[in-house]
Protein backbone atom coordinates (compact mmCIF):
# COMPACT_ATOMS: atom_id res chain seq x y z
CA MET A 1 23.18 -7.18 20.17
CA LYS A 2 25.98 -9.55 19.13
CA ARG A 3 26.56 -10.21 15.44
CA LYS A 4 25.77 -13.89 15.93
CA ASP A 5 22.42 -13.02 17.49
CA MET A 6 21.67 -10.61 14.64
CA LYS A 7 22.14 -13.40 12.11
CA GLN A 8 19.63 -15.54 14.03
CA ARG A 9 17.01 -12.80 13.98
CA PHE A 10 15.58 -13.58 10.55
CA PHE A 11 12.60 -11.24 10.81
CA LEU A 12 14.38 -8.01 11.75
CA PRO A 13 14.03 -6.55 8.19
CA ALA A 14 10.22 -6.73 8.49
CA LEU A 15 9.99 -4.82 11.76
CA PRO A 16 9.95 -1.31 10.19
CA LEU A 17 7.15 -2.34 7.82
CA GLY A 18 5.20 -3.72 10.77
CA ALA A 19 5.72 -0.52 12.73
CA LEU A 20 4.56 1.53 9.73
CA THR A 21 1.47 -0.67 9.37
CA LEU A 22 0.54 -0.22 13.03
CA ILE A 23 1.19 3.53 12.99
CA ILE A 24 -1.02 4.06 9.93
CA SER A 25 -3.78 1.89 11.41
CA PHE A 26 -3.79 3.98 14.59
CA THR A 27 -3.90 7.26 12.64
CA MET A 28 -6.78 6.43 10.31
CA PRO A 29 -9.60 9.02 10.40
CA THR A 30 -12.21 8.60 13.11
CA ILE A 31 -15.61 7.86 11.60
CA PRO A 32 -18.78 8.95 13.44
CA ALA A 33 -21.12 6.04 14.09
CA ALA A 34 -24.85 6.03 13.59
CA GLU A 35 -27.03 4.50 16.28
CA GLY A 36 -26.62 0.74 16.43
CA VAL A 37 -23.39 0.71 14.39
CA GLU A 38 -20.18 -0.16 16.26
CA SER A 39 -17.61 0.10 13.46
CA PRO A 40 -18.92 1.97 10.40
CA ILE A 41 -16.18 0.98 7.96
CA ILE A 42 -16.35 -2.73 8.85
CA ALA A 43 -20.14 -2.63 8.79
CA LEU A 44 -20.07 -1.10 5.31
CA GLU A 45 -17.48 -3.57 4.01
CA PHE A 46 -19.72 -6.46 5.08
CA ALA A 47 -23.01 -4.80 4.05
CA ARG A 48 -25.30 -7.07 2.07
CA SER A 49 -28.23 -4.83 1.16
CA ALA A 50 -29.29 -1.24 0.63
CA ALA A 51 -30.90 -1.39 4.07
CA ASP A 52 -27.52 -2.25 5.59
CA VAL A 53 -25.93 0.72 3.81
CA GLU A 54 -28.69 3.04 4.97
CA GLN A 55 -28.19 1.91 8.57
CA VAL A 56 -24.45 2.61 8.40
CA LEU A 57 -24.62 5.96 6.60
CA ALA A 58 -27.88 7.11 8.22
CA GLY A 59 -28.09 9.88 5.62
CA ARG A 60 -25.42 11.82 7.50
CA ARG A 61 -22.92 13.85 5.50
CA ASP A 62 -20.36 13.77 8.30
CA ILE A 63 -20.28 9.96 8.23
CA ILE A 64 -20.00 9.87 4.44
CA ALA A 65 -17.24 12.51 4.37
CA ALA A 66 -15.24 10.70 7.06
CA MET A 67 -15.59 7.39 5.23
CA VAL A 68 -14.44 8.91 1.94
CA GLN A 69 -11.38 10.29 3.72
CA SER A 70 -10.71 6.92 5.35
CA VAL A 71 -10.99 5.02 2.06
CA ARG A 72 -8.58 7.43 0.38
CA GLN A 73 -6.05 7.13 3.20
CA ASP A 74 -6.46 3.36 3.11
CA ARG A 75 -4.50 3.28 -0.16
CA ILE A 76 -1.33 3.99 1.82
CA PHE A 77 -2.29 1.41 4.42
CA ILE A 78 -2.73 -1.22 1.70
CA LEU A 79 0.86 -0.76 0.55
CA ALA A 80 2.18 -0.94 4.11
CA TYR A 81 0.36 -4.01 5.37
CA SER A 82 0.69 -6.04 2.15
CA ALA A 83 4.43 -5.34 2.03
CA PHE A 84 4.66 -6.32 5.72
CA LEU A 85 2.90 -9.63 5.09
CA MET A 86 4.82 -10.45 1.92
CA VAL A 87 8.23 -9.64 3.40
CA SER A 88 7.31 -11.67 6.48
CA CYS A 89 6.58 -14.69 4.29
CA LEU A 90 9.80 -14.23 2.35
CA LEU A 91 11.78 -14.12 5.58
CA ALA A 92 9.89 -17.14 6.91
CA TRP A 93 10.98 -19.04 3.80
CA ARG A 94 14.55 -17.88 4.43
CA ARG A 95 14.38 -19.30 7.95
CA TRP A 96 12.52 -22.58 7.37
CA ARG A 97 13.16 -23.20 3.65
CA LYS A 98 9.64 -24.58 3.15
CA GLY A 99 8.20 -23.75 -0.26
CA ILE A 100 4.62 -23.64 1.04
CA VAL A 101 5.29 -20.43 2.95
CA LEU A 102 5.99 -18.67 -0.35
CA ALA A 103 2.27 -18.99 -1.05
CA GLY A 104 2.00 -16.10 1.37
CA LEU A 105 3.56 -13.85 -1.27
CA GLY A 106 0.62 -14.54 -3.57
CA LEU A 107 -1.86 -14.14 -0.74
CA GLY A 108 -0.33 -10.81 0.31
CA LEU A 109 -0.49 -9.56 -3.28
CA ALA A 110 -4.09 -10.78 -3.61
CA ALA A 111 -5.00 -8.95 -0.40
CA ALA A 112 -3.60 -5.70 -1.81
CA ILE A 113 -5.32 -6.08 -5.20
CA PHE A 114 -8.72 -6.94 -3.80
CA ASP A 115 -8.47 -4.31 -1.08
CA TYR A 116 -7.91 -1.76 -3.85
CA LEU A 117 -10.94 -3.13 -5.73
CA GLU A 118 -12.93 -3.12 -2.49
CA ASN A 119 -12.15 0.57 -2.04
CA GLY A 120 -13.48 1.23 -5.52
CA ALA A 121 -16.74 -0.48 -4.63
CA LEU A 122 -16.94 1.46 -1.36
CA MET A 123 -16.45 4.75 -3.20
CA ALA A 124 -19.17 3.77 -5.67
CA ILE A 125 -21.53 3.41 -2.72
CA LEU A 126 -20.38 6.52 -0.88
CA GLU A 127 -20.46 8.79 -3.93
CA GLY A 128 -23.27 7.09 -5.87
CA THR A 129 -27.03 7.11 -5.63
CA PRO A 130 -28.99 4.33 -3.89
CA ALA A 131 -29.98 3.01 -7.31
CA LEU A 132 -26.33 2.07 -7.89
CA TRP A 133 -25.84 0.36 -4.54
CA PRO A 134 -27.01 -3.19 -5.47
CA ALA A 135 -24.40 -3.62 -8.21
CA ALA A 136 -21.66 -2.12 -6.03
CA LEU A 137 -22.67 -4.33 -3.09
CA SER A 138 -22.45 -7.44 -5.26
CA ASP A 139 -18.87 -6.59 -6.19
CA LEU A 140 -18.06 -5.46 -2.65
CA THR A 141 -18.97 -8.81 -1.12
CA VAL A 142 -16.63 -10.68 -3.46
CA TYR A 143 -13.74 -8.25 -2.99
CA THR A 144 -14.15 -8.08 0.78
CA TYR A 145 -14.13 -11.82 1.38
CA ILE A 146 -11.18 -12.45 -0.94
CA LYS A 147 -9.20 -9.65 0.72
CA TRP A 148 -9.88 -10.79 4.27
CA GLY A 149 -9.48 -14.45 3.31
CA ALA A 150 -6.04 -13.74 1.84
CA ILE A 151 -4.91 -11.89 4.96
CA THR A 152 -6.18 -14.68 7.19
CA GLY A 153 -4.42 -17.22 4.97
CA VAL A 154 -1.09 -15.49 5.50
CA PHE A 155 -1.46 -15.67 9.28
CA LEU A 156 -2.44 -19.34 9.05
CA LEU A 157 0.68 -20.05 7.04
CA LEU A 158 2.98 -18.15 9.38
CA GLY A 159 1.25 -19.58 12.44
CA THR A 160 1.83 -23.11 11.20
CA PHE A 161 5.58 -22.55 11.46
CA ILE A 162 5.89 -20.33 14.52
CA ARG A 163 3.62 -22.42 16.76
CA ALA A 164 6.57 -24.73 17.38
CA VAL A 165 8.84 -21.84 18.39
CA ASN A 166 7.17 -20.47 21.52
CA VAL A 167 3.90 -19.89 23.38
CA LEU A 168 3.18 -16.66 21.52
CA GLY A 169 3.54 -18.55 18.25
CA LYS A 170 0.94 -21.05 19.45
CA LEU A 171 -1.37 -18.18 20.40
CA ILE A 172 -1.01 -16.58 16.97
CA PHE A 173 -1.75 -19.89 15.28
CA GLY A 174 -4.81 -20.45 17.46
CA LEU A 175 -6.12 -16.96 16.81
CA SER A 176 -5.61 -17.39 13.07
CA ILE A 177 -7.77 -20.50 13.20
CA GLY A 178 -10.36 -18.54 15.18
CA ALA A 179 -10.26 -15.74 12.61
CA THR A 180 -10.89 -18.27 9.84
CA VAL A 181 -13.92 -19.63 11.69
CA PHE A 182 -15.29 -16.13 12.29
CA LEU A 183 -14.79 -15.11 8.66
CA LEU A 184 -16.61 -18.18 7.39
CA GLY A 185 -19.27 -17.69 10.05
CA SER A 186 -19.85 -14.11 8.92
CA LEU A 187 -21.17 -15.50 5.62
CA PHE A 188 -24.19 -16.68 7.57
CA ALA A 189 -24.07 -14.30 10.54
CA PRO A 190 -22.77 -10.86 9.42
CA GLN A 191 -22.64 -9.69 13.04
CA LEU A 192 -19.49 -11.80 13.42
CA SER A 193 -17.62 -9.52 11.02
CA LEU A 194 -16.59 -7.05 13.72
CA ALA A 195 -15.17 -9.76 15.98
CA PHE A 196 -13.32 -11.15 12.97
CA ALA A 197 -11.81 -7.75 12.10
CA MET A 198 -10.70 -7.29 15.71
CA LEU A 199 -8.98 -10.68 15.63
CA ILE A 200 -7.08 -9.71 12.48
CA ALA A 201 -6.00 -6.41 14.04
CA LEU A 202 -4.77 -8.34 17.09
CA LEU A 203 -2.90 -10.79 14.85
CA PHE A 204 -1.02 -7.96 13.14
CA LEU A 205 0.05 -6.62 16.53
CA LEU A 206 1.01 -10.01 17.97
CA TRP A 207 2.93 -11.00 14.85
CA TRP A 208 4.98 -7.81 15.08
CA ILE A 209 5.64 -8.46 18.78
CA TRP A 210 6.61 -12.04 18.01
CA MET A 211 9.25 -10.83 15.56
CA ILE A 212 10.75 -8.53 18.21
CA PHE A 213 11.24 -11.42 20.62
CA GLU A 214 11.93 -14.06 17.97
CA ARG A 215 13.96 -16.97 19.23
């Protein structure tokens, strides 16, 4: 790659962080699923009641043990993805010099903080008695929506700028709008939470691909 081209590739420094984020996400522990539960960890994050928790855990020690392992490993994932998002926003500011994109730094930090708090609430449920679940669930709902809302906000910010660059940028922007709709919709229809989480996972992948072919 010519030196001139290298200077025009503003997002190259973020590529290793994106690769690390994707690698960790693909190596997270596999969690057994109880009947009627498609994604145990997402279902638990968006659980609203003790009945929801009981459906996800199904009283099975293998599910609980796998979830505990996943939550503990998630601490590394938090550092990777939040750094990826924050560095991406910093590099976007370097390219477009628009102050609004720096809001993504705060959103990325908020995502990391509330993901950490969310993990604490999850552990309180996984390691606590059913009597403690209501209080933990109340905290969990707040932490979960702030975390996911912050991540979605970063993609909305980035998508606003890259939609004018190429077709993939337009796709990322459109999907970020869709993710926002699904997240808000999950407040009233929790079954939308899985589709929302899948959209966010796709956005991480597409954003990383976009940076590879940035023009």
